[in-house]
Amino acid sequence: MAEMNAKSPCDGLLPIAAGDVHLSEIPMTLMTSISPFKGQTAALSEALKAAHGMALPAPNRATGRDGARVVWIGREQVMLIGPEPAASLEAHGALTDQSDAWAVVRLYGEGAEDVLARLVPVDLRAAVFKRGHTVRTMLQHMSVSITRVGDSAFQIMAFRSMAKTLVHEVETAMKGVAARDAS
């Protein structure tokens, strides 16, 4: 019988650095998509706050911190990242385990905004895209979720099947920014 070993989406691809910018994989953790049942948004938010200390975020926002975060990922849908969802949430929304479906990376360093400016059609400068802001957008040809998690740090989520392409595209942009800055 073949022996199967679990591998992270970016196994063997990360970490990498170019200039002052770094890309690393965020360790695999529980990820649960949550969609409120009709008329249950407020109740779900209260249940989430009681169980995990984080309310449902507004559109294009995230709540929480590293290790326990709720990220808006679309209309009437959020992703609980980190903790196991409390059973009390099931009365107010549909919960689906997404733990193996996503690649999650962290892009950080002084040139991180410049790297992303080469890849996404969204203004991610700190003046307009503050800590806790999140967006669903295209990174080149991939659908991604980008959340600002620090002054010069972003969490990027892409479908697991696109992990190698995600790393390639970001690394290429990182090298371009590093080469520009070295001139």
N, C-alpha and C. Protein backbone atom coordinates (compact mmCIF):
# COMPACT_ATOMS: atom_id res chain seq x y z
N MET A 1 0.83 -1.18 0.00
CA MET A 1 0.00 0.00 0.00
C MET A 1 0.88 1.24 0.00
N ALA A 2 0.51 2.22 -0.79
CA ALA A 2 1.27 3.47 -0.87
C ALA A 2 1.09 4.27 0.40
N GLU A 3 2.17 4.90 0.82
CA GLU A 3 2.11 5.75 2.00
C GLU A 3 1.92 7.19 1.55
N MET A 4 0.91 7.84 2.09
CA MET A 4 0.61 9.22 1.71
C MET A 4 1.05 10.15 2.84
N ASN A 5 1.69 11.24 2.47
CA ASN A 5 2.14 12.24 3.43
C ASN A 5 1.49 13.57 3.11
N ALA A 6 0.94 14.20 4.12
CA ALA A 6 0.34 15.52 3.93
C ALA A 6 1.42 16.55 3.63
N LYS A 7 1.16 17.39 2.64
CA LYS A 7 2.09 18.46 2.30
C LYS A 7 1.31 19.76 2.26
N SER A 8 1.99 20.82 2.66
CA SER A 8 1.36 22.13 2.59
C SER A 8 1.30 22.56 1.12
N PRO A 9 0.41 23.49 0.79
CA PRO A 9 0.29 23.92 -0.61
C PRO A 9 1.58 24.47 -1.23
N CYS A 10 2.40 25.12 -0.42
CA CYS A 10 3.63 25.74 -0.94
C CYS A 10 4.87 24.96 -0.52
N ASP A 11 4.70 23.67 -0.25
CA ASP A 11 5.81 22.82 0.17
C ASP A 11 6.94 22.88 -0.85
N GLY A 12 8.13 23.21 -0.39
CA GLY A 12 9.30 23.28 -1.26
C GLY A 12 9.42 24.55 -2.07
N LEU A 13 8.44 25.44 -1.99
CA LEU A 13 8.45 26.67 -2.77
C LEU A 13 8.87 27.89 -1.95
N LEU A 14 8.57 27.86 -0.67
CA LEU A 14 8.79 29.01 0.21
C LEU A 14 9.55 28.59 1.45
N PRO A 15 10.25 29.52 2.08
CA PRO A 15 10.24 30.97 1.93
C PRO A 15 11.22 31.45 0.86
N ILE A 16 10.96 32.67 0.39
CA ILE A 16 11.85 33.33 -0.55
C ILE A 16 11.97 34.81 -0.16
N ALA A 17 13.01 35.44 -0.64
CA ALA A 17 13.21 36.87 -0.39
C ALA A 17 13.87 37.49 -1.60
N ALA A 18 13.56 38.75 -1.82
CA ALA A 18 14.21 39.55 -2.87
C ALA A 18 14.28 40.97 -2.35
N GLY A 19 15.46 41.49 -2.21
CA GLY A 19 15.60 42.82 -1.61
C GLY A 19 15.09 42.79 -0.18
N ASP A 20 14.23 43.74 0.14
CA ASP A 20 13.68 43.83 1.49
C ASP A 20 12.33 43.13 1.64
N VAL A 21 11.89 42.42 0.62
CA VAL A 21 10.57 41.79 0.63
C VAL A 21 10.71 40.28 0.79
N HIS A 22 9.83 39.72 1.61
CA HIS A 22 9.85 38.30 1.90
C HIS A 22 8.47 37.71 1.64
N LEU A 23 8.46 36.45 1.20
CA LEU A 23 7.22 35.71 1.01
C LEU A 23 7.38 34.39 1.74
N SER A 24 6.45 34.11 2.65
CA SER A 24 6.50 32.86 3.42
C SER A 24 5.10 32.26 3.49
N GLU A 25 5.07 30.97 3.68
CA GLU A 25 3.79 30.29 3.81
C GLU A 25 3.32 30.38 5.24
N ILE A 26 2.05 30.66 5.41
CA ILE A 26 1.45 30.64 6.74
C ILE A 26 1.10 29.18 7.01
N PRO A 27 1.54 28.65 8.15
CA PRO A 27 1.29 27.23 8.43
C PRO A 27 -0.18 26.85 8.28
N MET A 28 -0.40 25.66 7.76
CA MET A 28 -1.77 25.17 7.57
C MET A 28 -2.52 25.18 8.90
N THR A 29 -3.75 25.59 8.85
CA THR A 29 -4.60 25.67 10.02
C THR A 29 -6.04 25.44 9.61
N LEU A 30 -6.93 25.42 10.56
CA LEU A 30 -8.34 25.27 10.24
C LEU A 30 -8.85 26.51 9.51
N MET A 31 -9.61 26.29 8.46
CA MET A 31 -10.26 27.36 7.72
C MET A 31 -11.69 26.92 7.47
N THR A 32 -12.63 27.73 7.91
CA THR A 32 -14.04 27.38 7.79
C THR A 32 -14.79 28.52 7.14
N SER A 33 -15.44 28.27 5.99
CA SER A 33 -16.27 29.31 5.40
C SER A 33 -17.61 29.31 6.14
N ILE A 34 -18.12 30.50 6.36
CA ILE A 34 -19.37 30.67 7.10
C ILE A 34 -20.27 31.62 6.31
N SER A 35 -21.50 31.18 6.06
CA SER A 35 -22.49 32.00 5.39
C SER A 35 -23.74 32.03 6.25
N PRO A 36 -24.22 33.21 6.63
CA PRO A 36 -25.40 33.27 7.49
C PRO A 36 -26.65 32.79 6.77
N PHE A 37 -27.52 32.12 7.53
CA PHE A 37 -28.83 31.77 7.00
C PHE A 37 -29.62 33.06 6.85
N LYS A 38 -30.66 33.01 6.02
CA LYS A 38 -31.49 34.19 5.77
C LYS A 38 -32.01 34.75 7.10
N GLY A 39 -31.79 36.02 7.31
CA GLY A 39 -32.26 36.70 8.51
C GLY A 39 -31.44 36.42 9.76
N GLN A 40 -30.31 35.74 9.62
CA GLN A 40 -29.52 35.34 10.79
C GLN A 40 -28.17 36.05 10.88
N THR A 41 -27.95 37.07 10.10
CA THR A 41 -26.64 37.73 10.09
C THR A 41 -26.29 38.30 11.46
N ALA A 42 -27.19 39.04 12.07
CA ALA A 42 -26.92 39.64 13.38
C ALA A 42 -26.72 38.56 14.44
N ALA A 43 -27.56 37.52 14.42
CA ALA A 43 -27.43 36.44 15.40
C ALA A 43 -26.11 35.68 15.21
N LEU A 44 -25.71 35.47 13.96
CA LEU A 44 -24.44 34.80 13.69
C LEU A 44 -23.28 35.65 14.20
N SER A 45 -23.35 36.95 13.98
CA SER A 45 -22.30 37.84 14.45
C SER A 45 -22.18 37.77 15.97
N GLU A 46 -23.31 37.78 16.66
CA GLU A 46 -23.30 37.69 18.13
C GLU A 46 -22.73 36.35 18.59
N ALA A 47 -23.14 35.27 17.93
CA ALA A 47 -22.65 33.94 18.30
C ALA A 47 -21.15 33.83 18.06
N LEU A 48 -20.68 34.41 16.96
CA LEU A 48 -19.26 34.40 16.64
C LEU A 48 -18.47 35.20 17.68
N LYS A 49 -19.02 36.35 18.07
CA LYS A 49 -18.35 37.18 19.08
C LYS A 49 -18.32 36.47 20.43
N ALA A 50 -19.42 35.84 20.81
CA ALA A 50 -19.47 35.12 22.10
C ALA A 50 -18.50 33.94 22.11
N ALA A 51 -18.43 33.23 21.01
CA ALA A 51 -17.60 32.01 20.97
C ALA A 51 -16.14 32.28 20.69
N HIS A 52 -15.84 33.27 19.84
CA HIS A 52 -14.46 33.47 19.39
C HIS A 52 -13.92 34.88 19.59
N GLY A 53 -14.74 35.77 20.14
CA GLY A 53 -14.28 37.14 20.42
C GLY A 53 -14.17 38.03 19.20
N MET A 54 -14.78 37.61 18.08
CA MET A 54 -14.73 38.40 16.85
C MET A 54 -16.11 38.42 16.22
N ALA A 55 -16.61 39.60 15.90
CA ALA A 55 -17.89 39.72 15.22
C ALA A 55 -17.68 39.51 13.72
N LEU A 56 -18.78 39.35 12.99
CA LEU A 56 -18.68 39.29 11.53
C LEU A 56 -18.11 40.61 11.03
N PRO A 57 -17.12 40.57 10.18
CA PRO A 57 -16.57 41.83 9.65
C PRO A 57 -17.50 42.42 8.59
N ALA A 58 -17.40 43.71 8.42
CA ALA A 58 -18.11 44.40 7.34
C ALA A 58 -17.48 43.96 6.01
N PRO A 59 -18.16 44.21 4.90
CA PRO A 59 -17.54 43.90 3.61
C PRO A 59 -16.17 44.57 3.47
N ASN A 60 -15.23 43.85 2.90
CA ASN A 60 -13.86 44.31 2.68
C ASN A 60 -13.10 44.61 3.98
N ARG A 61 -13.45 43.86 5.03
CA ARG A 61 -12.76 44.00 6.31
C ARG A 61 -12.46 42.63 6.90
N ALA A 62 -11.56 42.61 7.87
CA ALA A 62 -11.22 41.41 8.62
C ALA A 62 -11.20 41.79 10.09
N THR A 63 -11.52 40.83 10.95
CA THR A 63 -11.43 41.04 12.38
C THR A 63 -10.51 39.99 12.97
N GLY A 64 -10.03 40.23 14.18
CA GLY A 64 -9.17 39.26 14.84
C GLY A 64 -7.70 39.58 14.65
N ARG A 65 -6.88 38.54 14.77
CA ARG A 65 -5.43 38.68 14.72
C ARG A 65 -4.83 37.38 14.21
N ASP A 66 -3.50 37.33 14.11
CA ASP A 66 -2.85 36.08 13.70
C ASP A 66 -3.28 34.96 14.64
N GLY A 67 -3.64 33.84 14.09
CA GLY A 67 -4.06 32.69 14.89
C GLY A 67 -5.55 32.58 15.08
N ALA A 68 -6.26 33.68 14.94
CA ALA A 68 -7.73 33.69 15.07
C ALA A 68 -8.25 34.92 14.33
N ARG A 69 -8.68 34.70 13.11
CA ARG A 69 -9.11 35.81 12.26
C ARG A 69 -10.37 35.44 11.50
N VAL A 70 -11.23 36.43 11.25
CA VAL A 70 -12.39 36.27 10.39
C VAL A 70 -12.22 37.25 9.23
N VAL A 71 -12.20 36.73 8.01
CA VAL A 71 -11.94 37.52 6.82
C VAL A 71 -13.17 37.49 5.91
N TRP A 72 -13.63 38.67 5.50
CA TRP A 72 -14.70 38.76 4.52
C TRP A 72 -14.15 38.23 3.20
N ILE A 73 -14.87 37.29 2.56
CA ILE A 73 -14.38 36.77 1.28
C ILE A 73 -15.41 36.88 0.17
N GLY A 74 -16.52 37.52 0.45
CA GLY A 74 -17.55 37.71 -0.57
C GLY A 74 -18.89 38.04 0.07
N ARG A 75 -19.84 38.32 -0.77
CA ARG A 75 -21.18 38.68 -0.27
C ARG A 75 -21.73 37.56 0.60
N GLU A 76 -22.07 37.91 1.83
CA GLU A 76 -22.65 36.97 2.79
C GLU A 76 -21.74 35.76 3.04
N GLN A 77 -20.42 35.97 3.01
CA GLN A 77 -19.50 34.87 3.26
C GLN A 77 -18.22 35.39 3.91
N VAL A 78 -17.81 34.69 4.97
CA VAL A 78 -16.56 35.00 5.65
C VAL A 78 -15.78 33.70 5.83
N MET A 79 -14.50 33.85 6.16
CA MET A 79 -13.65 32.70 6.44
C MET A 79 -13.13 32.84 7.87
N LEU A 80 -13.45 31.85 8.69
CA LEU A 80 -12.89 31.77 10.04
C LEU A 80 -11.58 31.01 9.93
N ILE A 81 -10.49 31.66 10.32
CA ILE A 81 -9.16 31.08 10.17
C ILE A 81 -8.54 30.90 11.54
N GLY A 82 -8.21 29.67 11.87
CA GLY A 82 -7.54 29.38 13.13
C GLY A 82 -8.33 28.47 14.03
N PRO A 83 -9.28 29.04 14.77
CA PRO A 83 -9.97 28.20 15.75
C PRO A 83 -10.98 27.25 15.11
N GLU A 84 -11.24 26.18 15.83
CA GLU A 84 -12.31 25.28 15.43
C GLU A 84 -13.63 25.99 15.68
N PRO A 85 -14.53 26.03 14.70
CA PRO A 85 -15.77 26.79 14.89
C PRO A 85 -16.62 26.20 16.01
N ALA A 86 -17.15 27.07 16.84
CA ALA A 86 -18.03 26.64 17.92
C ALA A 86 -19.32 26.06 17.35
N ALA A 87 -19.84 25.05 18.00
CA ALA A 87 -21.09 24.40 17.56
C ALA A 87 -22.24 25.40 17.53
N SER A 88 -22.19 26.43 18.36
CA SER A 88 -23.28 27.42 18.43
C SER A 88 -23.46 28.17 17.11
N LEU A 89 -22.44 28.20 16.27
CA LEU A 89 -22.54 28.91 14.99
C LEU A 89 -23.46 28.20 14.01
N GLU A 90 -23.58 26.88 14.14
CA GLU A 90 -24.37 26.09 13.19
C GLU A 90 -25.85 26.44 13.18
N ALA A 91 -26.35 27.03 14.26
CA ALA A 91 -27.76 27.42 14.32
C ALA A 91 -28.04 28.65 13.47
N HIS A 92 -27.00 29.38 13.10
CA HIS A 92 -27.19 30.66 12.42
C HIS A 92 -26.58 30.74 11.03
N GLY A 93 -25.82 29.72 10.64
CA GLY A 93 -25.19 29.79 9.33
C GLY A 93 -24.68 28.45 8.86
N ALA A 94 -24.34 28.41 7.58
CA ALA A 94 -23.77 27.20 6.97
C ALA A 94 -22.26 27.26 7.13
N LEU A 95 -21.68 26.19 7.67
CA LEU A 95 -20.24 26.11 7.89
C LEU A 95 -19.66 25.01 7.01
N THR A 96 -18.56 25.32 6.34
CA THR A 96 -17.91 24.34 5.47
C THR A 96 -16.41 24.38 5.71
N ASP A 97 -15.83 23.22 6.00
CA ASP A 97 -14.39 23.13 6.21
C ASP A 97 -13.67 23.38 4.88
N GLN A 98 -12.77 24.35 4.89
CA GLN A 98 -12.00 24.73 3.70
C GLN A 98 -10.50 24.55 3.91
N SER A 99 -10.14 23.86 4.98
CA SER A 99 -8.74 23.80 5.42
C SER A 99 -7.76 23.35 4.35
N ASP A 100 -8.14 22.42 3.51
CA ASP A 100 -7.24 21.90 2.48
C ASP A 100 -7.40 22.59 1.13
N ALA A 101 -8.26 23.58 1.05
CA ALA A 101 -8.60 24.16 -0.24
C ALA A 101 -7.81 25.42 -0.59
N TRP A 102 -7.09 25.97 0.36
CA TRP A 102 -6.44 27.26 0.15
C TRP A 102 -4.95 27.21 0.41
N ALA A 103 -4.21 28.03 -0.33
CA ALA A 103 -2.81 28.34 -0.03
C ALA A 103 -2.83 29.72 0.61
N VAL A 104 -2.15 29.86 1.74
CA VAL A 104 -2.13 31.13 2.45
C VAL A 104 -0.67 31.54 2.66
N VAL A 105 -0.33 32.72 2.15
CA VAL A 105 1.04 33.21 2.26
C VAL A 105 1.06 34.59 2.88
N ARG A 106 2.24 34.96 3.36
CA ARG A 106 2.44 36.29 3.94
C ARG A 106 3.52 36.99 3.14
N LEU A 107 3.20 38.16 2.61
CA LEU A 107 4.14 39.00 1.89
C LEU A 107 4.45 40.18 2.80
N TYR A 108 5.73 40.38 3.10
CA TYR A 108 6.06 41.46 4.03
C TYR A 108 7.42 42.08 3.69
N GLY A 109 7.55 43.30 4.14
CA GLY A 109 8.77 44.07 3.90
C GLY A 109 8.43 45.43 3.33
N GLU A 110 9.41 46.32 3.35
CA GLU A 110 9.17 47.71 2.93
C GLU A 110 8.66 47.85 1.49
N GLY A 111 8.98 46.92 0.62
CA GLY A 111 8.53 47.01 -0.77
C GLY A 111 7.31 46.17 -1.09
N ALA A 112 6.63 45.64 -0.09
CA ALA A 112 5.49 44.74 -0.33
C ALA A 112 4.38 45.42 -1.13
N GLU A 113 4.10 46.69 -0.83
CA GLU A 113 3.07 47.42 -1.59
C GLU A 113 3.47 47.54 -3.06
N ASP A 114 4.74 47.81 -3.30
CA ASP A 114 5.23 47.95 -4.68
C ASP A 114 5.12 46.63 -5.43
N VAL A 115 5.40 45.53 -4.76
CA VAL A 115 5.26 44.21 -5.38
C VAL A 115 3.81 43.98 -5.80
N LEU A 116 2.89 44.23 -4.87
CA LEU A 116 1.48 44.01 -5.18
C LEU A 116 0.95 44.98 -6.23
N ALA A 117 1.52 46.17 -6.30
CA ALA A 117 1.09 47.15 -7.31
C ALA A 117 1.35 46.63 -8.72
N ARG A 118 2.33 45.75 -8.87
CA ARG A 118 2.63 45.15 -10.17
C ARG A 118 1.67 44.01 -10.52
N LEU A 119 0.89 43.56 -9.55
CA LEU A 119 0.12 42.33 -9.73
C LEU A 119 -1.39 42.48 -9.65
N VAL A 120 -1.88 43.49 -8.94
CA VAL A 120 -3.32 43.59 -8.70
C VAL A 120 -3.85 44.95 -9.13
N PRO A 121 -5.12 45.00 -9.57
CA PRO A 121 -5.71 46.26 -10.01
C PRO A 121 -6.39 47.03 -8.88
N VAL A 122 -5.79 47.00 -7.69
CA VAL A 122 -6.39 47.62 -6.50
C VAL A 122 -5.33 48.47 -5.83
N ASP A 123 -5.72 49.62 -5.31
CA ASP A 123 -4.80 50.49 -4.59
C ASP A 123 -4.63 49.95 -3.17
N LEU A 124 -3.47 49.38 -2.88
CA LEU A 124 -3.20 48.79 -1.57
C LEU A 124 -2.26 49.64 -0.73
N ARG A 125 -2.08 50.91 -1.10
CA ARG A 125 -1.24 51.79 -0.30
C ARG A 125 -1.85 51.98 1.08
N ALA A 126 -1.00 52.11 2.08
CA ALA A 126 -1.45 52.19 3.48
C ALA A 126 -2.41 53.36 3.72
N ALA A 127 -2.32 54.40 2.94
CA ALA A 127 -3.21 55.54 3.12
C ALA A 127 -4.68 55.20 2.85
N VAL A 128 -4.92 54.20 2.00
CA VAL A 128 -6.30 53.84 1.66
C VAL A 128 -6.67 52.41 2.03
N PHE A 129 -5.69 51.55 2.17
CA PHE A 129 -5.92 50.14 2.49
C PHE A 129 -5.22 49.87 3.82
N LYS A 130 -5.95 50.10 4.90
CA LYS A 130 -5.37 50.06 6.24
C LYS A 130 -5.38 48.64 6.81
N ARG A 131 -4.70 48.48 7.94
CA ARG A 131 -4.70 47.19 8.64
C ARG A 131 -6.15 46.76 8.89
N GLY A 132 -6.44 45.50 8.58
CA GLY A 132 -7.79 44.98 8.73
C GLY A 132 -8.65 45.12 7.49
N HIS A 133 -8.15 45.82 6.47
CA HIS A 133 -8.87 45.90 5.20
C HIS A 133 -8.56 44.63 4.40
N THR A 134 -9.53 44.17 3.66
CA THR A 134 -9.35 42.98 2.83
C THR A 134 -10.08 43.18 1.51
N VAL A 135 -9.65 42.47 0.49
CA VAL A 135 -10.27 42.61 -0.82
C VAL A 135 -10.19 41.27 -1.55
N ARG A 136 -11.24 40.95 -2.28
CA ARG A 136 -11.20 39.85 -3.25
C ARG A 136 -10.89 40.49 -4.59
N THR A 137 -9.85 40.02 -5.25
CA THR A 137 -9.42 40.64 -6.49
C THR A 137 -8.70 39.61 -7.34
N MET A 138 -8.22 40.05 -8.46
CA MET A 138 -7.40 39.22 -9.34
C MET A 138 -5.93 39.57 -9.11
N LEU A 139 -5.12 38.53 -8.96
CA LEU A 139 -3.67 38.69 -8.94
C LEU A 139 -3.22 38.02 -10.22
N GLN A 140 -2.85 38.86 -11.21
CA GLN A 140 -2.66 38.39 -12.58
C GLN A 140 -3.97 37.72 -13.01
N HIS A 141 -3.99 36.41 -13.21
CA HIS A 141 -5.21 35.73 -13.67
C HIS A 141 -5.86 34.89 -12.58
N MET A 142 -5.40 35.01 -11.33
CA MET A 142 -5.93 34.20 -10.23
C MET A 142 -6.83 35.02 -9.32
N SER A 143 -7.88 34.40 -8.85
CA SER A 143 -8.73 35.02 -7.84
C SER A 143 -8.05 34.84 -6.48
N VAL A 144 -7.89 35.94 -5.74
CA VAL A 144 -7.23 35.90 -4.44
C VAL A 144 -7.98 36.77 -3.44
N SER A 145 -7.66 36.57 -2.19
CA SER A 145 -8.08 37.45 -1.10
C SER A 145 -6.81 38.03 -0.52
N ILE A 146 -6.77 39.36 -0.39
CA ILE A 146 -5.60 40.03 0.19
C ILE A 146 -6.07 40.83 1.40
N THR A 147 -5.39 40.62 2.52
CA THR A 147 -5.71 41.32 3.77
C THR A 147 -4.45 41.98 4.28
N ARG A 148 -4.56 43.26 4.64
CA ARG A 148 -3.41 43.92 5.27
C ARG A 148 -3.39 43.50 6.73
N VAL A 149 -2.29 42.86 7.14
CA VAL A 149 -2.17 42.36 8.52
C VAL A 149 -1.10 43.10 9.32
N GLY A 150 -0.42 44.06 8.70
CA GLY A 150 0.60 44.85 9.38
C GLY A 150 0.93 46.06 8.55
N ASP A 151 1.80 46.92 9.08
CA ASP A 151 2.16 48.14 8.35
C ASP A 151 2.71 47.83 6.96
N SER A 152 3.53 46.79 6.86
CA SER A 152 4.12 46.38 5.58
C SER A 152 3.94 44.90 5.36
N ALA A 153 2.77 44.38 5.76
CA ALA A 153 2.53 42.93 5.67
C ALA A 153 1.13 42.64 5.16
N PHE A 154 1.05 41.63 4.29
CA PHE A 154 -0.22 41.22 3.70
C PHE A 154 -0.38 39.70 3.79
N GLN A 155 -1.59 39.27 4.04
CA GLN A 155 -1.94 37.85 3.94
C GLN A 155 -2.61 37.68 2.59
N ILE A 156 -2.14 36.73 1.81
CA ILE A 156 -2.71 36.46 0.49
C ILE A 156 -3.22 35.03 0.50
N MET A 157 -4.49 34.86 0.11
CA MET A 157 -5.09 33.54 0.02
C MET A 157 -5.48 33.27 -1.42
N ALA A 158 -5.08 32.11 -1.93
CA ALA A 158 -5.44 31.68 -3.28
C ALA A 158 -5.85 30.21 -3.20
N PHE A 159 -6.57 29.74 -4.18
CA PHE A 159 -6.94 28.34 -4.19
C PHE A 159 -5.68 27.49 -4.22
N ARG A 160 -5.71 26.41 -3.50
CA ARG A 160 -4.54 25.53 -3.36
C ARG A 160 -3.98 25.11 -4.72
N SER A 161 -4.84 24.87 -5.68
CA SER A 161 -4.39 24.43 -6.99
C SER A 161 -3.55 25.48 -7.71
N MET A 162 -3.60 26.72 -7.22
CA MET A 162 -2.85 27.81 -7.84
C MET A 162 -1.60 28.20 -7.04
N ALA A 163 -1.22 27.41 -6.04
CA ALA A 163 -0.12 27.77 -5.15
C ALA A 163 1.18 28.01 -5.91
N LYS A 164 1.54 27.12 -6.81
CA LYS A 164 2.81 27.27 -7.53
C LYS A 164 2.79 28.52 -8.41
N THR A 165 1.67 28.76 -9.06
CA THR A 165 1.53 29.96 -9.90
C THR A 165 1.57 31.22 -9.04
N LEU A 166 0.90 31.20 -7.89
CA LEU A 166 0.92 32.34 -6.97
C LEU A 166 2.35 32.68 -6.58
N VAL A 167 3.10 31.69 -6.15
CA VAL A 167 4.49 31.92 -5.73
C VAL A 167 5.31 32.45 -6.91
N HIS A 168 5.15 31.87 -8.09
CA HIS A 168 5.89 32.32 -9.27
C HIS A 168 5.61 33.78 -9.58
N GLU A 169 4.34 34.15 -9.63
CA GLU A 169 3.96 35.53 -9.99
C GLU A 169 4.47 36.53 -8.96
N VAL A 170 4.33 36.21 -7.68
CA VAL A 170 4.79 37.13 -6.63
C VAL A 170 6.32 37.21 -6.64
N GLU A 171 6.99 36.08 -6.79
CA GLU A 171 8.45 36.09 -6.82
C GLU A 171 8.98 36.92 -7.99
N THR A 172 8.35 36.80 -9.15
CA THR A 172 8.77 37.59 -10.32
C THR A 172 8.63 39.08 -10.02
N ALA A 173 7.52 39.48 -9.41
CA ALA A 173 7.32 40.89 -9.07
C ALA A 173 8.31 41.33 -7.99
N MET A 174 8.59 40.45 -7.02
CA MET A 174 9.57 40.76 -5.99
C MET A 174 10.93 41.05 -6.58
N LYS A 175 11.35 40.21 -7.52
CA LYS A 175 12.65 40.39 -8.17
C LYS A 175 12.68 41.69 -8.99
N GLY A 176 11.58 42.02 -9.62
CA GLY A 176 11.51 43.26 -10.39
C GLY A 176 11.64 44.50 -9.49
N VAL A 177 10.96 44.48 -8.35
CA VAL A 177 11.05 45.61 -7.42
C VAL A 177 12.47 45.69 -6.84
N ALA A 178 13.04 44.53 -6.48
CA ALA A 178 14.40 44.53 -5.94
C ALA A 178 15.40 45.07 -6.95
N ALA A 179 15.26 44.69 -8.22
CA ALA A 179 16.17 45.17 -9.26
C ALA A 179 16.01 46.68 -9.46
N ARG A 180 14.78 47.16 -9.44
CA ARG A 180 14.54 48.59 -9.57
C ARG A 180 15.18 49.35 -8.42
N ASP A 181 15.01 48.84 -7.20
CA ASP A 181 15.54 49.51 -6.01
C ASP A 181 17.06 49.47 -5.95
N ALA A 182 17.66 48.47 -6.59
CA ALA A 182 19.13 48.35 -6.59
C ALA A 182 19.78 49.32 -7.56
N SER A 183 18.99 49.82 -8.51
CA SER A 183 19.54 50.75 -9.52
C SER A 183 19.87 52.09 -8.96
